[in-house]
Amino acid sequence: MFLNILTKTVRDTIPTSTTTWKDVKKEDIELILNRMEVKFDYPRSDALFIDSIEQSMMVYLRDWRNMMWNHFTKMEGKRDIAFIKANPYKNVPFDQWNILCDRFGSQEFEKVSTQNSENRSKQLCPPAQGSSSMIS
């Protein structure tokens, strides 16, 4: 339950147009922690625990942006950019969605995306995440 509420609080507090975790304001992080403290009793003085919460927030923000990117790319092949901007991802304000669409459709974003795809294809070992075993 804690993590579900943390996820929603991250989505409600951090603007969707935030591109990286480094761009998140410290005030927003404090606001999230304060909102969580109202609902839950947790050790605010435990640096390891707070670091773990921040790591979770980073993952949620990244995953949420990825869901919006998937929404954008599914629509991109079928429609023009005006149609995509008029149909934002669920619960994303139009102004924030327009900023994201401009970013997703930019040459710079395409260049970084292509470079990341090339780098991933050069990896010798797949990531050791999830439930897949390293021993075959």
Protein backbone atom coordinates (compact mmCIF):
# COMPACT_ATOMS: atom_id res chain seq x y z
CA MET A 1 0.00 0.00 0.00
CA PHE A 2 2.87 2.37 0.80
CA LEU A 3 4.40 1.94 -2.66
CA ASN A 4 1.07 2.38 -4.45
CA ILE A 5 0.43 5.66 -2.66
CA LEU A 6 4.04 6.73 -3.26
CA THR A 7 3.57 6.10 -6.99
CA LYS A 8 0.41 8.20 -7.13
CA THR A 9 2.00 10.96 -5.06
CA VAL A 10 5.00 11.09 -7.42
CA ARG A 11 2.66 11.38 -10.43
CA ASP A 12 0.58 14.06 -8.75
CA THR A 13 3.55 16.15 -7.59
CA ILE A 14 6.27 15.98 -10.25
CA PRO A 15 5.35 17.62 -13.59
CA THR A 16 5.15 15.13 -16.46
CA SER A 17 7.43 17.31 -18.55
CA THR A 18 10.33 16.66 -16.15
CA THR A 19 12.92 14.93 -18.30
CA THR A 20 15.35 13.49 -15.76
CA TRP A 21 15.49 12.86 -12.04
CA LYS A 22 18.18 15.56 -11.75
CA ASP A 23 15.56 18.08 -12.91
CA VAL A 24 13.20 17.27 -10.02
CA LYS A 25 13.15 20.10 -7.51
CA LYS A 26 14.25 19.32 -3.96
CA GLU A 27 11.07 21.04 -2.78
CA ASP A 28 9.00 18.50 -4.73
CA ILE A 29 10.86 15.60 -3.14
CA GLU A 30 10.33 17.10 0.31
CA LEU A 31 6.65 17.66 -0.48
CA ILE A 32 6.27 14.00 -1.45
CA LEU A 33 8.01 12.84 1.72
CA ASN A 34 5.84 15.14 3.83
CA ARG A 35 2.67 13.87 2.18
CA MET A 36 3.75 10.29 2.81
CA GLU A 37 4.55 11.09 6.43
CA VAL A 38 0.97 12.25 6.98
CA LYS A 39 -0.32 8.82 5.97
CA PHE A 40 2.47 6.56 7.21
CA ASP A 41 4.82 6.38 10.14
CA TYR A 42 8.32 5.79 8.82
CA PRO A 43 11.85 6.68 9.97
CA ARG A 44 12.57 10.08 8.35
CA SER A 45 15.98 10.15 10.07
CA ASP A 46 17.09 6.84 8.53
CA ALA A 47 19.18 7.86 5.52
CA LEU A 48 19.15 4.35 4.05
CA PHE A 49 15.35 4.21 4.18
CA ILE A 50 14.96 7.68 2.63
CA ASP A 51 17.46 6.74 -0.09
CA SER A 52 15.40 3.64 -0.85
CA ILE A 53 12.26 5.77 -1.15
CA GLU A 54 14.05 8.16 -3.52
CA GLN A 55 15.24 5.23 -5.64
CA SER A 56 11.64 4.04 -5.87
CA MET A 57 10.50 7.52 -6.88
CA MET A 58 13.11 7.59 -9.65
CA VAL A 59 11.89 4.25 -10.97
CA TYR A 60 8.24 5.36 -10.89
CA LEU A 61 9.01 8.57 -12.75
CA ARG A 62 11.01 6.70 -15.39
CA ASP A 63 8.32 4.05 -15.82
CA TRP A 64 5.59 6.67 -16.09
CA ARG A 65 7.52 8.55 -18.78
CA ASN A 66 8.01 5.24 -20.58
CA MET A 67 4.25 4.59 -20.54
CA MET A 68 3.68 8.04 -22.04
CA TRP A 69 6.37 7.39 -24.66
CA ASN A 70 4.64 4.11 -25.58
CA HIS A 71 1.32 5.96 -25.89
CA PHE A 72 3.01 8.54 -28.14
CA THR A 73 4.67 5.96 -30.39
CA LYS A 74 1.51 3.84 -30.77
CA MET A 75 -0.35 6.90 -32.01
CA GLU A 76 2.55 8.31 -34.03
CA GLY A 77 2.32 5.75 -36.83
CA LYS A 78 -1.40 6.37 -37.31
CA ARG A 79 -1.85 10.11 -36.90
CA ASP A 80 -0.23 13.49 -37.25
CA ILE A 81 1.25 15.38 -34.30
CA ALA A 82 -1.87 17.56 -33.86
CA PHE A 83 -4.00 14.46 -33.27
CA ILE A 84 -1.46 13.06 -30.81
CA LYS A 85 -1.35 16.36 -28.88
CA ALA A 86 -5.16 16.39 -28.74
CA ASN A 87 -5.22 12.90 -27.15
CA PRO A 88 -2.94 12.94 -24.10
CA TYR A 89 -2.02 9.96 -21.98
CA LYS A 90 -4.51 9.35 -19.17
CA ASN A 91 -4.62 12.02 -16.48
CA VAL A 92 -1.88 14.14 -18.09
CA PRO A 93 -2.77 17.83 -18.46
CA PHE A 94 -2.78 19.12 -22.04
CA ASP A 95 -0.03 21.69 -21.44
CA GLN A 96 2.30 19.03 -19.98
CA TRP A 97 1.40 16.56 -22.76
CA ASN A 98 2.20 19.15 -25.44
CA ILE A 99 5.64 19.71 -23.91
CA LEU A 100 6.25 15.96 -23.91
CA CYS A 101 5.04 15.56 -27.51
CA ASP A 102 7.41 18.30 -28.64
CA ARG A 103 10.22 16.54 -26.80
CA PHE A 104 9.35 13.06 -28.10
CA GLY A 105 9.11 14.38 -31.65
CA SER A 106 12.35 16.37 -31.60
CA GLN A 107 15.47 15.51 -33.57
CA GLU A 108 17.56 15.56 -30.40
CA PHE A 109 15.33 12.98 -28.71
CA GLU A 110 15.42 10.79 -31.84
CA LYS A 111 19.22 11.00 -31.96
CA VAL A 112 19.59 10.00 -28.28
CA SER A 113 17.03 7.22 -28.71
CA THR A 114 18.86 5.81 -31.73
CA GLN A 115 22.22 5.96 -29.93
CA ASN A 116 20.76 4.20 -26.88
CA SER A 117 19.29 1.46 -29.09
CA GLU A 118 22.67 0.93 -30.76
CA ASN A 119 24.41 0.77 -27.37
CA ARG A 120 21.89 -1.77 -26.05
CA SER A 121 22.42 -3.96 -29.11
CA LYS A 122 26.18 -4.06 -28.37
CA GLN A 123 25.75 -5.43 -24.84
CA LEU A 124 27.32 -8.86 -24.46
CA CYS A 125 25.26 -9.90 -21.44
CA PRO A 126 21.59 -9.17 -20.91
CA PRO A 127 20.68 -7.20 -17.79
CA ALA A 128 20.37 -9.39 -14.69
CA GLN A 129 17.06 -7.96 -13.58
CA GLY A 130 13.75 -9.58 -12.83
CA SER A 131 13.11 -13.24 -12.34
CA SER A 132 15.34 -14.66 -15.08
CA SER A 133 18.16 -16.82 -13.83
CA MET A 134 21.80 -16.12 -14.60
CA ILE A 135 22.51 -19.85 -14.56
CA SER A 136 21.11 -21.80 -17.50
